[in-house]
Each structure stands twice: as structure tokens, then as C-alpha cells.
Amino acid sequence: MSGAERWVARPLGELVTGVARAVAEGQTELDRASLATRRDVRRAVEDGDLETPIETPWFRFSGVEADLNVSLSMRGRPERDESGKIRAYRPTLVAAPTDPEFTTRTDYDVAASSRVSLDIVPVPGPE
């Protein structure tokens, strides 16, 4: 496995966490934009540029669906004891993208790729 493949291939859990983190960062940016708009509206009312305040729109992701074409493989992650000696290998499911560049560079058979689908939905907060 080349250095590039080691960098691109990640445990499946990290891949899913990365997608979820990107959604959370997008939601944070939407919230920041709404807060900035709210501040601007308040300032305009205080300065007399706006007679009555307008409602600030709040946006949120209703859900995100992700379909990923990946190559899945099992790798062993070393488990070490207190002295640092490897005692076992923990199996880890690793995913690598199967895009045209990846398949050309690695001679990977696209017919053997896997499709990972996940849905990220907001969880309602306490009433």
C-alpha cells in the first residue's frame, strides 16, 4: 500500500464522524448567519432605520443523506500491553474512496466497491 493510500484509507467510523462533523459545522455557520442578521435588525431598529423589527429566519438541516462508494477492507490495529509489547490485533473496518483517480492509481476493481449509506437527522431537544 502506497503512502497516499494509507493517507486516504480511514476507519469507517472516522469517515462517518467526518461527514457528521461537516454537517454540524454547516449548521453552526447557518446559526451564525442568523445571529448576525438578528444583530443587524436590532441595530437598525435602535438607529431608527427600521420602524418595526422583522423576524430573523432560522435555518436547520432537516436531514442529510450520504451515499458513499468506498472500498472496504479489514485491518488489524495493534493492541499493546503496559510494556508496549503487541499482544493482539483489533480488527478495524477501513474505507477508501473509489473514485476514478483512486481506481486508476491503485488498479482497484470498481465492481468490488461497497456502497455505504447513512442518514443524519436532527434529534429534537427537550420541550
Protein backbone atom coordinates (compact mmCIF):
# COMPACT_ATOMS: atom_id res chain seq x y z
CA MET A 1 0.00 0.00 0.00
CA SER A 2 1.43 3.37 -1.02
CA GLY A 3 1.75 6.37 1.28
CA ALA A 4 -1.17 8.09 -0.49
CA GLU A 5 -3.42 5.08 0.05
CA ARG A 6 -2.55 5.00 3.76
CA TRP A 7 -3.50 8.67 3.99
CA VAL A 8 -6.78 8.24 2.09
CA ALA A 9 -7.94 4.99 3.71
CA ARG A 10 -9.58 5.61 7.08
CA PRO A 11 -11.52 3.52 9.58
CA LEU A 12 -15.19 3.59 8.61
CA GLY A 13 -16.08 5.20 11.95
CA GLU A 14 -13.78 8.14 11.16
CA LEU A 15 -15.41 8.52 7.76
CA VAL A 16 -18.91 8.68 9.27
CA THR A 17 -17.71 11.02 12.02
CA GLY A 18 -16.18 13.31 9.39
CA VAL A 19 -19.49 13.52 7.50
CA ALA A 20 -21.37 14.26 10.74
CA ARG A 21 -18.80 16.89 11.74
CA ALA A 22 -19.16 18.61 8.34
CA VAL A 23 -22.95 18.75 8.81
CA ALA A 24 -22.53 20.19 12.33
CA GLU A 25 -20.09 22.83 11.05
CA GLY A 26 -22.57 23.76 8.30
CA GLN A 27 -25.36 24.12 10.88
CA THR A 28 -23.09 26.29 13.03
CA GLU A 29 -22.47 28.61 10.09
CA LEU A 30 -26.22 28.86 9.42
CA ASP A 31 -26.77 29.78 13.09
CA ARG A 32 -24.00 32.40 12.97
CA ALA A 33 -25.59 33.99 9.90
CA SER A 34 -28.98 34.13 11.64
CA LEU A 35 -27.43 35.70 14.75
CA ALA A 36 -25.64 38.31 12.62
CA THR A 37 -28.92 39.12 10.87
CA ARG A 38 -30.68 39.44 14.24
CA ARG A 39 -27.98 41.87 15.44
CA ASP A 40 -28.30 43.91 12.24
CA VAL A 41 -32.08 44.12 12.62
CA ARG A 42 -31.81 45.22 16.27
CA ARG A 43 -29.21 47.83 15.35
CA ALA A 44 -31.41 49.13 12.51
CA VAL A 45 -34.38 49.48 14.92
CA GLU A 46 -32.22 51.26 17.52
CA ASP A 47 -30.81 53.63 14.87
CA GLY A 48 -34.31 54.38 13.56
CA ASP A 49 -33.59 52.90 10.12
CA LEU A 50 -36.29 50.28 10.67
CA GLU A 51 -39.62 51.08 12.32
CA THR A 52 -40.57 47.60 13.45
CA PRO A 53 -38.29 44.64 13.90
CA ILE A 54 -38.61 41.80 11.43
CA GLU A 55 -38.40 38.16 12.39
CA THR A 56 -34.97 36.65 11.84
CA PRO A 57 -35.07 33.47 9.76
CA TRP A 58 -33.53 30.39 11.35
CA PHE A 59 -32.48 27.55 9.10
CA ARG A 60 -31.62 23.99 10.00
CA PHE A 61 -30.85 20.83 8.17
CA SER A 62 -33.95 18.63 8.17
CA GLY A 63 -31.69 15.70 7.43
CA VAL A 64 -28.67 14.72 5.40
CA GLU A 65 -28.37 11.62 3.28
CA ALA A 66 -24.92 10.48 2.26
CA ASP A 67 -24.20 7.73 -0.26
CA LEU A 68 -20.53 6.84 -0.42
CA ASN A 69 -18.83 4.45 -2.81
CA VAL A 70 -15.89 3.00 -0.95
CA SER A 71 -13.55 0.08 -0.88
CA LEU A 72 -13.92 -1.67 2.48
CA SER A 73 -11.21 -3.82 3.98
CA MET A 74 -10.30 -5.23 7.37
CA ARG A 75 -7.06 -4.26 9.03
CA GLY A 76 -5.59 -5.18 12.37
CA ARG A 77 -4.88 -2.36 14.81
CA PRO A 78 -2.17 -3.42 17.30
CA GLU A 79 -3.22 -3.76 20.95
CA ARG A 80 -0.27 -3.26 23.30
CA ASP A 81 0.22 -4.14 26.96
CA GLU A 82 1.78 -1.85 29.60
CA SER A 83 5.29 -2.71 28.43
CA GLY A 84 4.45 -1.76 24.84
CA LYS A 85 4.53 -5.32 23.50
CA ILE A 86 1.88 -6.16 20.90
CA ARG A 87 -0.46 -8.75 22.40
CA ALA A 88 -3.25 -8.81 19.81
CA TYR A 89 -4.67 -7.07 16.78
CA ARG A 90 -8.09 -5.44 16.96
CA PRO A 91 -9.97 -5.78 13.67
CA THR A 92 -10.88 -2.43 12.13
CA LEU A 93 -13.10 -1.83 9.11
CA VAL A 94 -11.27 0.61 6.81
CA ALA A 95 -12.85 2.59 3.95
CA ALA A 96 -11.11 4.18 0.96
CA PRO A 97 -12.85 6.19 -1.77
CA THR A 98 -13.45 4.51 -5.10
CA ASP A 99 -13.36 7.47 -7.45
CA PRO A 100 -11.80 7.35 -10.94
CA GLU A 101 -8.43 8.67 -9.72
CA PHE A 102 -8.26 6.07 -6.93
CA THR A 103 -9.17 3.18 -9.22
CA THR A 104 -6.66 4.25 -11.86
CA ARG A 105 -3.84 4.77 -9.35
CA THR A 106 -4.40 1.51 -7.50
CA ASP A 107 -5.84 -0.73 -10.28
CA TYR A 108 -8.81 -1.29 -7.97
CA ASP A 109 -11.77 -3.25 -9.39
CA VAL A 110 -14.75 -0.90 -9.13
CA ALA A 111 -17.11 -3.87 -9.28
CA ALA A 112 -15.83 -4.83 -5.83
CA SER A 113 -16.63 -1.49 -4.22
CA SER A 114 -19.15 -1.10 -1.43
CA ARG A 115 -21.86 1.46 -1.02
CA VAL A 116 -22.28 2.98 2.42
CA SER A 117 -25.47 4.95 3.01
CA LEU A 118 -26.15 6.97 6.10
CA ASP A 119 -28.81 9.41 7.25
CA ILE A 120 -28.10 12.17 9.71
CA VAL A 121 -31.24 13.65 11.25
CA PRO A 122 -31.66 16.23 14.00
CA VAL A 123 -32.74 14.96 17.38
CA PRO A 124 -35.43 17.13 18.94
CA GLY A 125 -34.30 18.92 22.07
CA PRO A 126 -36.17 18.86 25.37
CA GLU A 127 -39.50 20.66 25.32
